[in-house]
Amino acid sequence: MKIEWRRKIIDDEILRFAELSGDKGSHHLERDPQGRLMAHGLLTATLPTKLGGDLDFIARTMHFEFLKAVYGGDELTCRGIIESVIAQSTRLKVKFLFEITNQLGELVLKGDSAGQILRKP
């Protein structure tokens, strides 16, 4: 099974994430020579967590490899692939892989997650 979600990162989200997370590193709050704000890695990592939320997935582990900086104005696409599902009596144990590309098709983040989806009675 493949799932996908797209979103544009905007400067206001970067500034709000700095407040929410407490990560106020100057590289997130000061514009680069091109006038851009660099997004937090974990802000970028919210894309695969959104995919998991759509499935009612409860993560046990998440591994991220941050490959390229993301900036305000970047349009990101997150693609997830369910790698394995093991059915148990009260849950499905799930592992999925994901990758995020920017508007140029450049890979900016990749990773995997393992966890569960509880079966509804």
PDB file of N, CA and C in Angstrom:
ATOM      1  N   MET A   1       0.843  -1.174   0.000  1.00  0.00           N
ATOM      2  CA  MET A   1       0.000   0.000   0.000  1.00  0.00           C
ATOM      3  C   MET A   1       0.891   1.241   0.000  1.00  0.00           C
ATOM      4  N   LYS A   2       0.547   2.193  -0.858  1.00  0.00           N
ATOM      5  CA  LYS A   2       1.287   3.454  -0.930  1.00  0.00           C
ATOM      6  C   LYS A   2       0.355   4.595  -0.531  1.00  0.00           C
ATOM      7  N   ILE A   3       0.895   5.546   0.220  1.00  0.00           N
ATOM      8  CA  ILE A   3       0.132   6.729   0.613  1.00  0.00           C
ATOM      9  C   ILE A   3       1.006   7.958   0.368  1.00  0.00           C
ATOM     10  N   GLU A   4       0.348   9.093   0.159  1.00  0.00           N
ATOM     11  CA  GLU A   4       1.087  10.304  -0.193  1.00  0.00           C
ATOM     12  C   GLU A   4       0.383  11.521   0.364  1.00  0.00           C
ATOM     13  N   TRP A   5       1.164  12.542   0.698  1.00  0.00           N
ATOM     14  CA  TRP A   5       0.620  13.821   1.145  1.00  0.00           C
ATOM     15  C   TRP A   5       1.574  14.921   0.738  1.00  0.00           C
ATOM     16  N   ARG A   6       1.009  16.041   0.340  1.00  0.00           N
ATOM     17  CA  ARG A   6       1.808  17.192  -0.085  1.00  0.00           C
ATOM     18  C   ARG A   6       1.454  18.404   0.759  1.00  0.00           C
ATOM     19  N   ARG A   7       2.460  19.225   1.014  1.00  0.00           N
ATOM     20  CA  ARG A   7       2.208  20.492   1.689  1.00  0.00           C
ATOM     21  C   ARG A   7       3.347  21.462   1.433  1.00  0.00           C
ATOM     22  N   LYS A   8       3.015  22.725   1.528  1.00  0.00           N
ATOM     23  CA  LYS A   8       4.001  23.790   1.367  1.00  0.00           C
ATOM     24  C   LYS A   8       4.400  24.272   2.760  1.00  0.00           C
ATOM     25  N   ILE A   9       5.697  24.382   2.989  1.00  0.00           N
ATOM     26  CA  ILE A   9       6.211  24.915   4.255  1.00  0.00           C
ATOM     27  C   ILE A   9       6.236  26.432   4.128  1.00  0.00           C
ATOM     28  N   ILE A  10       5.657  27.116   5.092  1.00  0.00           N
ATOM     29  CA  ILE A  10       5.638  28.578   5.045  1.00  0.00           C
ATOM     30  C   ILE A  10       6.405  29.149   6.239  1.00  0.00           C
ATOM     31  N   ASP A  11       6.892  30.386   6.063  1.00  0.00           N
ATOM     32  CA  ASP A  11       7.710  31.019   7.101  1.00  0.00           C
ATOM     33  C   ASP A  11       7.004  31.074   8.446  1.00  0.00           C
ATOM     34  N   ASP A  12       5.706  31.374   8.444  1.00  0.00           N
ATOM     35  CA  ASP A  12       4.968  31.475   9.704  1.00  0.00           C
ATOM     36  C   ASP A  12       5.013  30.155  10.472  1.00  0.00           C
ATOM     37  N   GLU A  13       4.946  29.026   9.769  1.00  0.00           N
ATOM     38  CA  GLU A  13       5.021  27.722  10.439  1.00  0.00           C
ATOM     39  C   GLU A  13       6.404  27.509  11.071  1.00  0.00           C
ATOM     40  N   ILE A  14       7.439  27.942  10.378  1.00  0.00           N
ATOM     41  CA  ILE A  14       8.801  27.805  10.915  1.00  0.00           C
ATOM     42  C   ILE A  14       8.925  28.607  12.207  1.00  0.00           C
ATOM     43  N   LEU A  15       8.408  29.824  12.203  1.00  0.00           N
ATOM     44  CA  LEU A  15       8.485  30.672  13.403  1.00  0.00           C
ATOM     45  C   LEU A  15       7.624  30.112  14.536  1.00  0.00           C
ATOM     46  N   ARG A  16       6.439  29.603  14.203  1.00  0.00           N
ATOM     47  CA  ARG A  16       5.588  29.009  15.248  1.00  0.00           C
ATOM     48  C   ARG A  16       6.203  27.729  15.792  1.00  0.00           C
ATOM     49  N   PHE A  17       6.852  26.925  14.934  1.00  0.00           N
ATOM     50  CA  PHE A  17       7.493  25.704  15.393  1.00  0.00           C
ATOM     51  C   PHE A  17       8.664  26.039  16.324  1.00  0.00           C
ATOM     52  N   ALA A  18       9.368  27.129  16.040  1.00  0.00           N
ATOM     53  CA  ALA A  18      10.456  27.564  16.929  1.00  0.00           C
ATOM     54  C   ALA A  18       9.907  27.857  18.321  1.00  0.00           C
ATOM     55  N   GLU A  19       8.764  28.521  18.378  1.00  0.00           N
ATOM     56  CA  GLU A  19       8.134  28.818  19.674  1.00  0.00           C
ATOM     57  C   GLU A  19       7.659  27.541  20.355  1.00  0.00           C
ATOM     58  N   LEU A  20       6.984  26.690  19.603  1.00  0.00           N
ATOM     59  CA  LEU A  20       6.422  25.461  20.167  1.00  0.00           C
ATOM     60  C   LEU A  20       7.507  24.514  20.670  1.00  0.00           C
ATOM     61  N   SER A  21       8.555  24.350  19.883  1.00  0.00           N
ATOM     62  CA  SER A  21       9.599  23.382  20.227  1.00  0.00           C
ATOM     63  C   SER A  21      10.664  23.962  21.161  1.00  0.00           C
ATOM     64  N   GLY A  22      10.786  25.287  21.168  1.00  0.00           N
ATOM     65  CA  GLY A  22      11.857  25.920  21.930  1.00  0.00           C
ATOM     66  C   GLY A  22      13.168  25.960  21.171  1.00  0.00           C
ATOM     67  N   ASP A  23      13.195  25.396  19.960  1.00  0.00           N
ATOM     68  CA  ASP A  23      14.403  25.401  19.131  1.00  0.00           C
ATOM     69  C   ASP A  23      14.461  26.727  18.388  1.00  0.00           C
ATOM     70  N   LYS A  24      15.210  27.657  18.961  1.00  0.00           N
ATOM     71  CA  LYS A  24      15.317  28.993  18.386  1.00  0.00           C
ATOM     72  C   LYS A  24      16.726  29.249  17.869  1.00  0.00           C
ATOM     73  N   GLY A  25      17.328  28.197  17.297  1.00  0.00           N
ATOM     74  CA  GLY A  25      18.647  28.348  16.696  1.00  0.00           C
ATOM     75  C   GLY A  25      18.618  29.437  15.630  1.00  0.00           C
ATOM     76  N   SER A  26      19.688  30.209  15.571  1.00  0.00           N
ATOM     77  CA  SER A  26      19.719  31.338  14.630  1.00  0.00           C
ATOM     78  C   SER A  26      19.522  30.888  13.188  1.00  0.00           C
ATOM     79  N   HIS A  27      19.915  29.663  12.858  1.00  0.00           N
ATOM     80  CA  HIS A  27      19.743  29.164  11.492  1.00  0.00           C
ATOM     81  C   HIS A  27      18.263  28.983  11.134  1.00  0.00           C
ATOM     82  N   HIS A  28      17.369  29.003  12.134  1.00  0.00           N
ATOM     83  CA  HIS A  28      15.922  28.932  11.871  1.00  0.00           C
ATOM     84  C   HIS A  28      15.256  30.303  11.937  1.00  0.00           C
ATOM     85  N   LEU A  29      15.885  31.249  12.584  1.00  0.00           N
ATOM     86  CA  LEU A  29      15.242  32.550  12.798  1.00  0.00           C
ATOM     87  C   LEU A  29      15.839  33.681  11.964  1.00  0.00           C
ATOM     88  N   GLU A  30      17.012  33.458  11.405  1.00  0.00           N
ATOM     89  CA  GLU A  30      17.646  34.477  10.574  1.00  0.00           C
ATOM     90  C   GLU A  30      17.634  34.009   9.118  1.00  0.00           C
ATOM     91  N   ARG A  31      17.297  34.894   8.233  1.00  0.00           N
ATOM     92  CA  ARG A  31      17.199  34.558   6.813  1.00  0.00           C
ATOM     93  C   ARG A  31      18.588  34.352   6.211  1.00  0.00           C
ATOM     94  N   ASP A  32      18.660  33.415   5.273  1.00  0.00           N
ATOM     95  CA  ASP A  32      19.914  33.168   4.564  1.00  0.00           C
ATOM     96  C   ASP A  32      20.114  34.245   3.484  1.00  0.00           C
ATOM     97  N   PRO A  33      21.231  34.220   2.765  1.00  0.00           N
ATOM     98  CA  PRO A  33      21.476  35.250   1.747  1.00  0.00           C
ATOM     99  C   PRO A  33      20.382  35.344   0.667  1.00  0.00           C
ATOM    100  N   GLN A  34      19.621  34.273   0.472  1.00  0.00           N
ATOM    101  CA  GLN A  34      18.517  34.296  -0.490  1.00  0.00           C
ATOM    102  C   GLN A  34      17.213  34.787   0.142  1.00  0.00           C
ATOM    103  N   GLY A  35      17.264  35.145   1.438  1.00  0.00           N
ATOM    104  CA  GLY A  35      16.075  35.653   2.125  1.00  0.00           C
ATOM    105  C   GLY A  35      15.156  34.582   2.670  1.00  0.00           C
ATOM    106  N   ARG A  36      15.638  33.355   2.774  1.00  0.00           N
ATOM    107  CA  ARG A  36      14.804  32.234   3.213  1.00  0.00           C
ATOM    108  C   ARG A  36      15.055  31.862   4.673  1.00  0.00           C
ATOM    109  N   LEU A  37      14.021  31.323   5.318  1.00  0.00           N
ATOM    110  CA  LEU A  37      14.165  30.720   6.643  1.00  0.00           C
ATOM    111  C   LEU A  37      14.307  29.213   6.471  1.00  0.00           C
ATOM    112  N   MET A  38      15.239  28.616   7.213  1.00  0.00           N
ATOM    113  CA  MET A  38      15.417  27.169   7.174  1.00  0.00           C
ATOM    114  C   MET A  38      14.427  26.509   8.132  1.00  0.00           C
ATOM    115  N   ALA A  39      13.695  25.536   7.626  1.00  0.00           N
ATOM    116  CA  ALA A  39      12.746  24.793   8.456  1.00  0.00           C
ATOM    117  C   ALA A  39      13.489  23.863   9.412  1.00  0.00           C
ATOM    118  N   HIS A  40      12.887  23.607  10.546  1.00  0.00           N
ATOM    119  CA  HIS A  40      13.406  22.634  11.500  1.00  0.00           C
ATOM    120  C   HIS A  40      13.268  21.238  10.888  1.00  0.00           C
ATOM    121  N   GLY A  41      14.246  20.379  11.162  1.00  0.00           N
ATOM    122  CA  GLY A  41      14.146  19.002  10.678  1.00  0.00           C
ATOM    123  C   GLY A  41      12.880  18.326  11.172  1.00  0.00           C
ATOM    124  N   LEU A  42      12.539  18.548  12.433  1.00  0.00           N
ATOM    125  CA  LEU A  42      11.350  17.881  12.965  1.00  0.00           C
ATOM    126  C   LEU A  42      10.055  18.482  12.431  1.00  0.00           C
ATOM    127  N   LEU A  43      10.086  19.722  11.952  1.00  0.00           N
ATOM    128  CA  LEU A  43       8.917  20.259  11.245  1.00  0.00           C
ATOM    129  C   LEU A  43       8.731  19.501   9.933  1.00  0.00           C
ATOM    130  N   THR A  44       9.826  19.275   9.218  1.00  0.00           N
ATOM    131  CA  THR A  44       9.763  18.467   7.995  1.00  0.00           C
ATOM    132  C   THR A  44       9.261  17.059   8.317  1.00  0.00           C
ATOM    133  N   ALA A  45       9.687  16.521   9.445  1.00  0.00           N
ATOM    134  CA  ALA A  45       9.306  15.161   9.839  1.00  0.00           C
ATOM    135  C   ALA A  45       7.842  15.044  10.250  1.00  0.00           C
ATOM    136  N   THR A  46       7.121  16.162  10.317  1.00  0.00           N
ATOM    137  CA  THR A  46       5.686  16.053  10.602  1.00  0.00           C
ATOM    138  C   THR A  46       4.917  15.486   9.414  1.00  0.00           C
ATOM    139  N   LEU A  47       5.500  15.497   8.232  1.00  0.00           N
ATOM    140  CA  LEU A  47       4.787  14.948   7.074  1.00  0.00           C
ATOM    141  C   LEU A  47       4.528  13.446   7.227  1.00  0.00           C
ATOM    142  N   PRO A  48       5.542  12.619   7.544  1.00  0.00           N
ATOM    143  CA  PRO A  48       5.216  11.207   7.728  1.00  0.00           C
ATOM    144  C   PRO A  48       4.334  10.949   8.954  1.00  0.00           C
ATOM    145  N   THR A  49       4.414  11.805   9.973  1.00  0.00           N
ATOM    146  CA  THR A  49       3.532  11.581  11.123  1.00  0.00           C
ATOM    147  C   THR A  49       2.082  11.839  10.729  1.00  0.00           C
ATOM    148  N   LYS A  50       1.858  12.740   9.762  1.00  0.00           N
ATOM    149  CA  LYS A  50       0.503  12.974   9.251  1.00  0.00           C
ATOM    150  C   LYS A  50       0.001  11.729   8.532  1.00  0.00           C
ATOM    151  N   LEU A  51       0.862  11.106   7.729  1.00  0.00           N
ATOM    152  CA  LEU A  51       0.459   9.864   7.054  1.00  0.00           C
ATOM    153  C   LEU A  51       0.072   8.801   8.078  1.00  0.00           C
ATOM    154  N   GLY A  52       0.881   8.666   9.131  1.00  0.00           N
ATOM    155  CA  GLY A  52       0.570   7.698  10.181  1.00  0.00           C
ATOM    156  C   GLY A  52      -0.744   8.008  10.874  1.00  0.00           C
ATOM    157  N   GLY A  53      -0.997   9.300  11.127  1.00  0.00           N
ATOM    158  CA  GLY A  53      -2.249   9.697  11.762  1.00  0.00           C
ATOM    159  C   GLY A  53      -3.460   9.336  10.932  1.00  0.00           C
ATOM    160  N   ASP A  54      -3.329   9.424   9.615  1.00  0.00           N
ATOM    161  CA  ASP A  54      -4.443   9.042   8.735  1.00  0.00           C
ATOM    162  C   ASP A  54      -4.800   7.569   8.875  1.00  0.00           C
ATOM    163  N   LEU A  55      -3.826   6.763   9.300  1.00  0.00           N
ATOM    164  CA  LEU A  55      -4.033   5.313   9.459  1.00  0.00           C
ATOM    165  C   LEU A  55      -4.313   4.921  10.909  1.00  0.00           C
ATOM    166  N   ASP A  56      -4.384   5.893  11.827  1.00  0.00           N
ATOM    167  CA  ASP A  56      -4.484   5.627  13.269  1.00  0.00           C
ATOM    168  C   ASP A  56      -3.298   4.797  13.757  1.00  0.00           C
ATOM    169  N   PHE A  57      -2.153   5.063  13.169  1.00  0.00           N
ATOM    170  CA  PHE A  57      -0.910   4.365  13.474  1.00  0.00           C
ATOM    171  C   PHE A  57      -0.305   4.955  14.743  1.00  0.00           C
ATOM    172  N   ILE A  58       0.080   4.096  15.666  1.00  0.00           N
ATOM    173  CA  ILE A  58       0.755   4.505  16.902  1.00  0.00           C
ATOM    174  C   ILE A  58       2.215   4.066  16.768  1.00  0.00           C
ATOM    175  N   ALA A  59       3.102   5.033  16.638  1.00  0.00           N
ATOM    176  CA  ALA A  59       4.515   4.729  16.398  1.00  0.00           C
ATOM    177  C   ALA A  59       5.189   4.189  17.653  1.00  0.00           C
ATOM    178  N   ARG A  60       6.038   3.222  17.466  1.00  0.00           N
ATOM    179  CA  ARG A  60       6.919   2.717  18.515  1.00  0.00           C
ATOM    180  C   ARG A  60       8.333   3.221  18.264  1.00  0.00           C
ATOM    181  N   THR A  61       8.739   3.204  17.007  1.00  0.00           N
ATOM    182  CA  THR A  61      10.043   3.740  16.618  1.00  0.00           C
ATOM    183  C   THR A  61       9.885   4.592  15.361  1.00  0.00           C
ATOM    184  N   MET A  62      10.750   5.582  15.252  1.00  0.00           N
ATOM    185  CA  MET A  62      10.815   6.404  14.041  1.00  0.00           C
ATOM    186  C   MET A  62      12.278   6.732  13.799  1.00  0.00           C
ATOM    187  N   HIS A  63      12.732   6.508  12.588  1.00  0.00           N
ATOM    188  CA  HIS A  63      14.110   6.819  12.220  1.00  0.00           C
ATOM    189  C   HIS A  63      14.084   7.789  11.045  1.00  0.00           C
ATOM    190  N   PHE A  64      14.845   8.862  11.168  1.00  0.00           N
ATOM    191  CA  PHE A  64      14.899   9.888  10.139  1.00  0.00           C
ATOM    192  C   PHE A  64      16.337  10.074   9.678  1.00  0.00           C
ATOM    193  N   GLU A  65      16.506  10.279   8.378  1.00  0.00           N
ATOM    194  CA  GLU A  65      17.785  10.689   7.823  1.00  0.00           C
ATOM    195  C   GLU A  65      17.537  11.988   7.071  1.00  0.00           C
ATOM    196  N   PHE A  66      18.074  13.073   7.605  1.00  0.00           N
ATOM    197  CA  PHE A  66      17.879  14.400   7.026  1.00  0.00           C
ATOM    198  C   PHE A  66      18.953  14.615   5.970  1.00  0.00           C
ATOM    199  N   LEU A  67      18.537  14.761   4.724  1.00  0.00           N
ATOM    200  CA  LEU A  67      19.472  14.756   3.605  1.00  0.00           C
ATOM    201  C   LEU A  67      19.733  16.128   2.989  1.00  0.00           C
ATOM    202  N   LYS A  68      18.774  17.026   3.087  1.00  0.00           N
ATOM    203  CA  LYS A  68      18.899  18.332   2.445  1.00  0.00           C
ATOM    204  C   LYS A  68      18.036  19.319   3.218  1.00  0.00           C
ATOM    205  N   ALA A  69      18.504  20.551   3.328  1.00  0.00           N
ATOM    206  CA  ALA A  69      17.744  21.574   4.046  1.00  0.00           C
ATOM    207  C   ALA A  69      16.431  21.878   3.335  1.00  0.00           C
ATOM    208  N   VAL A  70      15.430  22.233   4.146  1.00  0.00           N
ATOM    209  CA  VAL A  70      14.114  22.654   3.660  1.00  0.00           C
ATOM    210  C   VAL A  70      13.932  24.104   4.088  1.00  0.00           C
ATOM    211  N   TYR A  71      13.369  24.907   3.206  1.00  0.00           N
ATOM    212  CA  TYR A  71      13.193  26.335   3.467  1.00  0.00           C
ATOM    213  C   TYR A  71      11.737  26.744   3.299  1.00  0.00           C
ATOM    214  N   GLY A  72      11.381  27.854   3.920  1.00  0.00           N
ATOM    215  CA  GLY A  72      10.058  28.409   3.721  1.00  0.00           C
ATOM    216  C   GLY A  72       9.811  28.593   2.228  1.00  0.00           C
ATOM    217  N   GLY A  73       8.633  28.202   1.785  1.00  0.00           N
ATOM    218  CA  GLY A  73       8.285  28.255   0.370  1.00  0.00           C
ATOM    219  C   GLY A  73       8.459  26.932  -0.345  1.00  0.00           C
ATOM    220  N   ASP A  74       9.220  26.004   0.253  1.00  0.00           N
ATOM    221  CA  ASP A  74       9.386  24.691  -0.382  1.00  0.00           C
ATOM    222  C   ASP A  74       8.073  23.919  -0.358  1.00  0.00           C
ATOM    223  N   GLU A  75       7.788  23.245  -1.456  1.00  0.00           N
ATOM    224  CA  GLU A  75       6.620  22.370  -1.556  1.00  0.00           C
ATOM    225  C   GLU A  75       7.112  20.939  -1.439  1.00  0.00           C
ATOM    226  N   LEU A  76       6.638  20.252  -0.423  1.00  0.00           N
ATOM    227  CA  LEU A  76       7.126  18.913  -0.110  1.00  0.00           C
ATOM    228  C   LEU A  76       6.081  17.857  -0.424  1.00  0.00           C
ATOM    229  N   THR A  77       6.565  16.703  -0.850  1.00  0.00           N
ATOM    230  CA  THR A  77       5.715  15.535  -1.066  1.00  0.00           C
ATOM    231  C   THR A  77       6.266  14.398  -0.231  1.00  0.00           C
ATOM    232  N   CYS A  78       5.424  13.823   0.593  1.00  0.00           N
ATOM    233  CA  CYS A  78       5.812  12.677   1.419  1.00  0.00           C
ATOM    234  C   CYS A  78       5.124  11.441   0.857  1.00  0.00           C
ATOM    235  N   ARG A  79       5.917  10.429   0.562  1.00  0.00           N
ATOM    236  CA  ARG A  79       5.387   9.159   0.065  1.00  0.00           C
ATOM    237  C   ARG A  79       5.720   8.075   1.086  1.00  0.00           C
ATOM    238  N   GLY A  80       4.701   7.331   1.469  1.00  0.00           N
ATOM    239  CA  GLY A  80       4.886   6.241   2.408  1.00  0.00           C
ATOM    240  C   GLY A  80       4.513   4.923   1.770  1.00  0.00           C
ATOM    241  N   ILE A  81       5.230   3.891   2.134  1.00  0.00           N
ATOM    242  CA  ILE A  81       4.950   2.548   1.640  1.00  0.00           C
ATOM    243  C   ILE A  81       4.859   1.622   2.837  1.00  0.00           C
ATOM    244  N   ILE A  82       3.744   0.926   2.959  1.00  0.00           N
ATOM    245  CA  ILE A  82       3.610  -0.073   4.013  1.00  0.00           C
ATOM    246  C   ILE A  82       4.503  -1.246   3.634  1.00  0.00           C
ATOM    247  N   GLU A  83       5.512  -1.493   4.448  1.00  0.00           N
ATOM    248  CA  GLU A  83       6.475  -2.559   4.151  1.00  0.00           C
ATOM    249  C   GLU A  83       6.007  -3.913   4.667  1.00  0.00           C
ATOM    250  N   SER A  84       5.407  -3.925   5.865  1.00  0.00           N
ATOM    251  CA  SER A  84       4.933  -5.198   6.417  1.00  0.00           C
ATOM    252  C   SER A  84       3.780  -4.969   7.381  1.00  0.00           C
ATOM    253  N   VAL A  85       2.914  -5.971   7.451  1.00  0.00           N
ATOM    254  CA  VAL A  85       1.790  -5.972   8.386  1.00  0.00           C
ATOM    255  C   VAL A  85       1.714  -7.370   8.990  1.00  0.00           C
ATOM    256  N   ILE A  86       1.701  -7.425  10.306  1.00  0.00           N
ATOM    257  CA  ILE A  86       1.536  -8.696  11.015  1.00  0.00           C
ATOM    258  C   ILE A  86       0.269  -8.582  11.845  1.00  0.00           C
ATOM    259  N   ALA A  87      -0.719  -9.401  11.526  1.00  0.00           N
ATOM    260  CA  ALA A  87      -2.002  -9.364  12.231  1.00  0.00           C
ATOM    261  C   ALA A  87      -1.884 -10.109  13.558  1.00  0.00           C
ATOM    262  N   GLN A  88      -2.347  -9.438  14.606  1.00  0.00           N
ATOM    263  CA  GLN A  88      -2.441 -10.054  15.922  1.00  0.00           C
ATOM    264  C   GLN A  88      -3.881  -9.874  16.399  1.00  0.00           C
ATOM    265  N   SER A  89      -4.217 -10.462  17.515  1.00  0.00           N
ATOM    266  CA  SER A  89      -5.627 -10.465  17.940  1.00  0.00           C
ATOM    267  C   SER A  89      -6.191  -9.070  18.185  1.00  0.00           C
ATOM    268  N   THR A  90      -5.412  -8.180  18.766  1.00  0.00           N
ATOM    269  CA  THR A  90      -5.943  -6.850  19.099  1.00  0.00           C
ATOM    270  C   THR A  90      -5.327  -5.714  18.290  1.00  0.00           C
ATOM    271  N   ARG A  91      -4.360  -6.053  17.436  1.00  0.00           N
ATOM    272  CA  ARG A  91      -3.675  -4.992  16.705  1.00  0.00           C
ATOM    273  C   ARG A  91      -3.032  -5.526  15.437  1.00  0.00           C
ATOM    274  N   LEU A  92      -2.629  -4.595  14.613  1.00  0.00           N
ATOM    275  CA  LEU A  92      -1.811  -4.895  13.446  1.00  0.00           C
ATOM    276  C   LEU A  92      -0.443  -4.278  13.702  1.00  0.00           C
ATOM    277  N   LYS A  93       0.592  -5.089  13.661  1.00  0.00           N
ATOM    278  CA  LYS A  93       1.950  -4.551  13.763  1.00  0.00           C
ATOM    279  C   LYS A  93       2.358  -4.123  12.359  1.00  0.00           C
ATOM    280  N   VAL A  94       2.779  -2.870  12.246  1.00  0.00           N
ATOM    281  CA  VAL A  94       3.029  -2.290  10.929  1.00  0.00           C
ATOM    282  C   VAL A  94       4.419  -1.673  10.880  1.00  0.00           C
ATOM    283  N   LYS A  95       5.063  -1.838   9.729  1.00  0.00           N
ATOM    284  CA  LYS A  95       6.308  -1.118   9.461  1.00  0.00           C
ATOM    285  C   LYS A  95       6.127  -0.403   8.135  1.00  0.00           C
ATOM    286  N   PHE A  96       6.467   0.890   8.109  1.00  0.00           N
ATOM    287  CA  PHE A  96       6.412   1.575   6.833  1.00  0.00           C
ATOM    288  C   PHE A  96       7.642   2.427   6.593  1.00  0.00           C
ATOM    289  N   LEU A  97       7.916   2.621   5.321  1.00  0.00           N
ATOM    290  CA  LEU A  97       9.039   3.419   4.855  1.00  0.00           C
ATOM    291  C   LEU A  97       8.481   4.704   4.275  1.00  0.00           C
ATOM    292  N   PHE A  98       9.250   5.785   4.344  1.00  0.00           N
ATOM    293  CA  PHE A  98       8.781   7.038   3.764  1.00  0.00           C
ATOM    294  C   PHE A  98       9.955   7.831   3.225  1.00  0.00           C
ATOM    295  N   GLU A  99       9.629   8.697   2.272  1.00  0.00           N
ATOM    296  CA  GLU A  99      10.606   9.643   1.756  1.00  0.00           C
ATOM    297  C   GLU A  99       9.893  10.942   1.437  1.00  0.00           C
ATOM    298  N   ILE A 100      10.630  12.037   1.598  1.00  0.00           N
ATOM    299  CA  ILE A 100      10.090  13.364   1.328  1.00  0.00           C
ATOM    300  C   ILE A 100      10.968  14.021   0.271  1.00  0.00           C
ATOM    301  N   THR A 101      10.335  14.535  -0.766  1.00  0.00           N
ATOM    302  CA  THR A 101      11.042  15.266  -1.816  1.00  0.00           C
ATOM    303  C   THR A 101      10.524  16.695  -1.861  1.00  0.00           C
ATOM    304  N   ASN A 102      11.357  17.591  -2.361  1.00  0.00           N
ATOM    305  CA  ASN A 102      10.941  18.985  -2.533  1.00  0.00           C
ATOM    306  C   ASN A 102      10.398  19.192  -3.948  1.00  0.00           C
ATOM    307  N   GLN A 103      10.062  20.427  -4.266  1.00  0.00           N
ATOM    308  CA  GLN A 103       9.458  20.756  -5.549  1.00  0.00           C
ATOM    309  C   GLN A 103      10.392  20.494  -6.730  1.00  0.00           C
ATOM    310  N   LEU A 104      11.676  20.327  -6.476  1.00  0.00           N
ATOM    311  CA  LEU A 104      12.642  20.018  -7.533  1.00  0.00           C
ATOM    312  C   LEU A 104      12.857  18.516  -7.683  1.00  0.00           C
ATOM    313  N   GLY A 105      12.146  17.724  -6.864  1.00  0.00           N
ATOM    314  CA  GLY A 105      12.315  16.275  -6.888  1.00  0.00           C
ATOM    315  C   GLY A 105      13.505  15.801  -6.088  1.00  0.00           C
ATOM    316  N   GLU A 106      14.127  16.692  -5.325  1.00  0.00           N
ATOM    317  CA  GLU A 106      15.287  16.324  -4.513  1.00  0.00           C
ATOM    318  C   GLU A 106      14.827  15.647  -3.222  1.00  0.00           C
ATOM    319  N   LEU A 107      15.481  14.572  -2.875  1.00  0.00           N
ATOM    320  CA  LEU A 107      15.176  13.855  -1.640  1.00  0.00           C
ATOM    321  C   LEU A 107      15.712  14.654  -0.462  1.00  0.00           C
ATOM    322  N   VAL A 108      14.823  15.078   0.450  1.00  0.00           N
ATOM    323  CA  VAL A 108      15.251  15.887   1.599  1.00  0.00           C
ATOM    324  C   VAL A 108      15.242  15.102   2.902  1.00  0.00           C
ATOM    325  N   LEU A 109      14.448  14.038   2.973  1.00  0.00           N
ATOM    326  CA  LEU A 109      14.362  13.235   4.201  1.00  0.00           C
ATOM    327  C   LEU A 109      13.895  11.841   3.822  1.00  0.00           C
ATOM    328  N   LYS A 110      14.443  10.848   4.482  1.00  0.00           N
ATOM    329  CA  LYS A 110      13.930   9.488   4.319  1.00  0.00           C
ATOM    330  C   LYS A 110      13.975   8.805   5.674  1.00  0.00           C
ATOM    331  N   GLY A 111      13.180   7.761   5.822  1.00  0.00           N
ATOM    332  CA  GLY A 111      13.174   7.061   7.097  1.00  0.00           C
ATOM    333  C   GLY A 111      12.200   5.909   7.124  1.00  0.00           C
ATOM    334  N   ASP A 112      11.988   5.411   8.325  1.00  0.00           N
ATOM    335  CA  ASP A 112      11.052   4.308   8.527  1.00  0.00           C
ATOM    336  C   ASP A 112      10.445   4.426   9.917  1.00  0.00           C
ATOM    337  N   SER A 113       9.369   3.722  10.092  1.00  0.00           N
ATOM    338  CA  SER A 113       8.683   3.717  11.386  1.00  0.00           C
ATOM    339  C   SER A 113       8.052   2.353  11.599  1.00  0.00           C
ATOM    340  N   ALA A 114       8.017   1.912  12.843  1.00  0.00           N
ATOM    341  CA  ALA A 114       7.352   0.675  13.222  1.00  0.00           C
ATOM    342  C   ALA A 114       6.409   0.983  14.381  1.00  0.00           C
ATOM    343  N   GLY A 115       5.289   0.309  14.376  1.00  0.00           N
ATOM    344  CA  GLY A 115       4.321   0.532  15.439  1.00  0.00           C
ATOM    345  C   GLY A 115       3.104  -0.356  15.252  1.00  0.00           C
ATOM    346  N   GLN A 116       1.962   0.175  15.655  1.00  0.00           N
ATOM    347  CA  GLN A 116       0.757  -0.645  15.625  1.00  0.00           C
ATOM    348  C   GLN A 116      -0.474   0.176  15.268  1.00  0.00           C
ATOM    349  N   ILE A 117      -1.443  -0.534  14.759  1.00  0.00           N
ATOM    350  CA  ILE A 117      -2.784   0.002  14.550  1.00  0.00           C
ATOM    351  C   ILE A 117      -3.702  -0.895  15.355  1.00  0.00           C
ATOM    352  N   LEU A 118      -4.396  -0.298  16.317  1.00  0.00           N
ATOM    353  CA  LEU A 118      -5.289  -1.093  17.161  1.00  0.00           C
ATOM    354  C   LEU A 118      -6.513  -1.498  16.370  1.00  0.00           C
ATOM    355  N   ARG A 119      -6.924  -2.754  16.550  1.00  0.00           N
ATOM    356  CA  ARG A 119      -8.143  -3.227  15.892  1.00  0.00           C
ATOM    357  C   ARG A 119      -9.346  -2.702  16.654  1.00  0.00           C
ATOM    358  N   LYS A 120     -10.315  -2.250  15.912  1.00  0.00           N
ATOM    359  CA  LYS A 120     -11.533  -1.742  16.547  1.00  0.00           C
ATOM    360  C   LYS A 120     -12.491  -2.898  16.797  1.00  0.00           C
ATOM    361  N   PRO A 121     -13.119  -2.883  17.979  1.00  0.00           N
ATOM    362  CA  PRO A 121     -14.035  -3.999  18.298  1.00  0.00           C
ATOM    363  C   PRO A 121     -15.256  -4.012  17.399  1.00  0.00           C
TER     364      PRO A 121
END
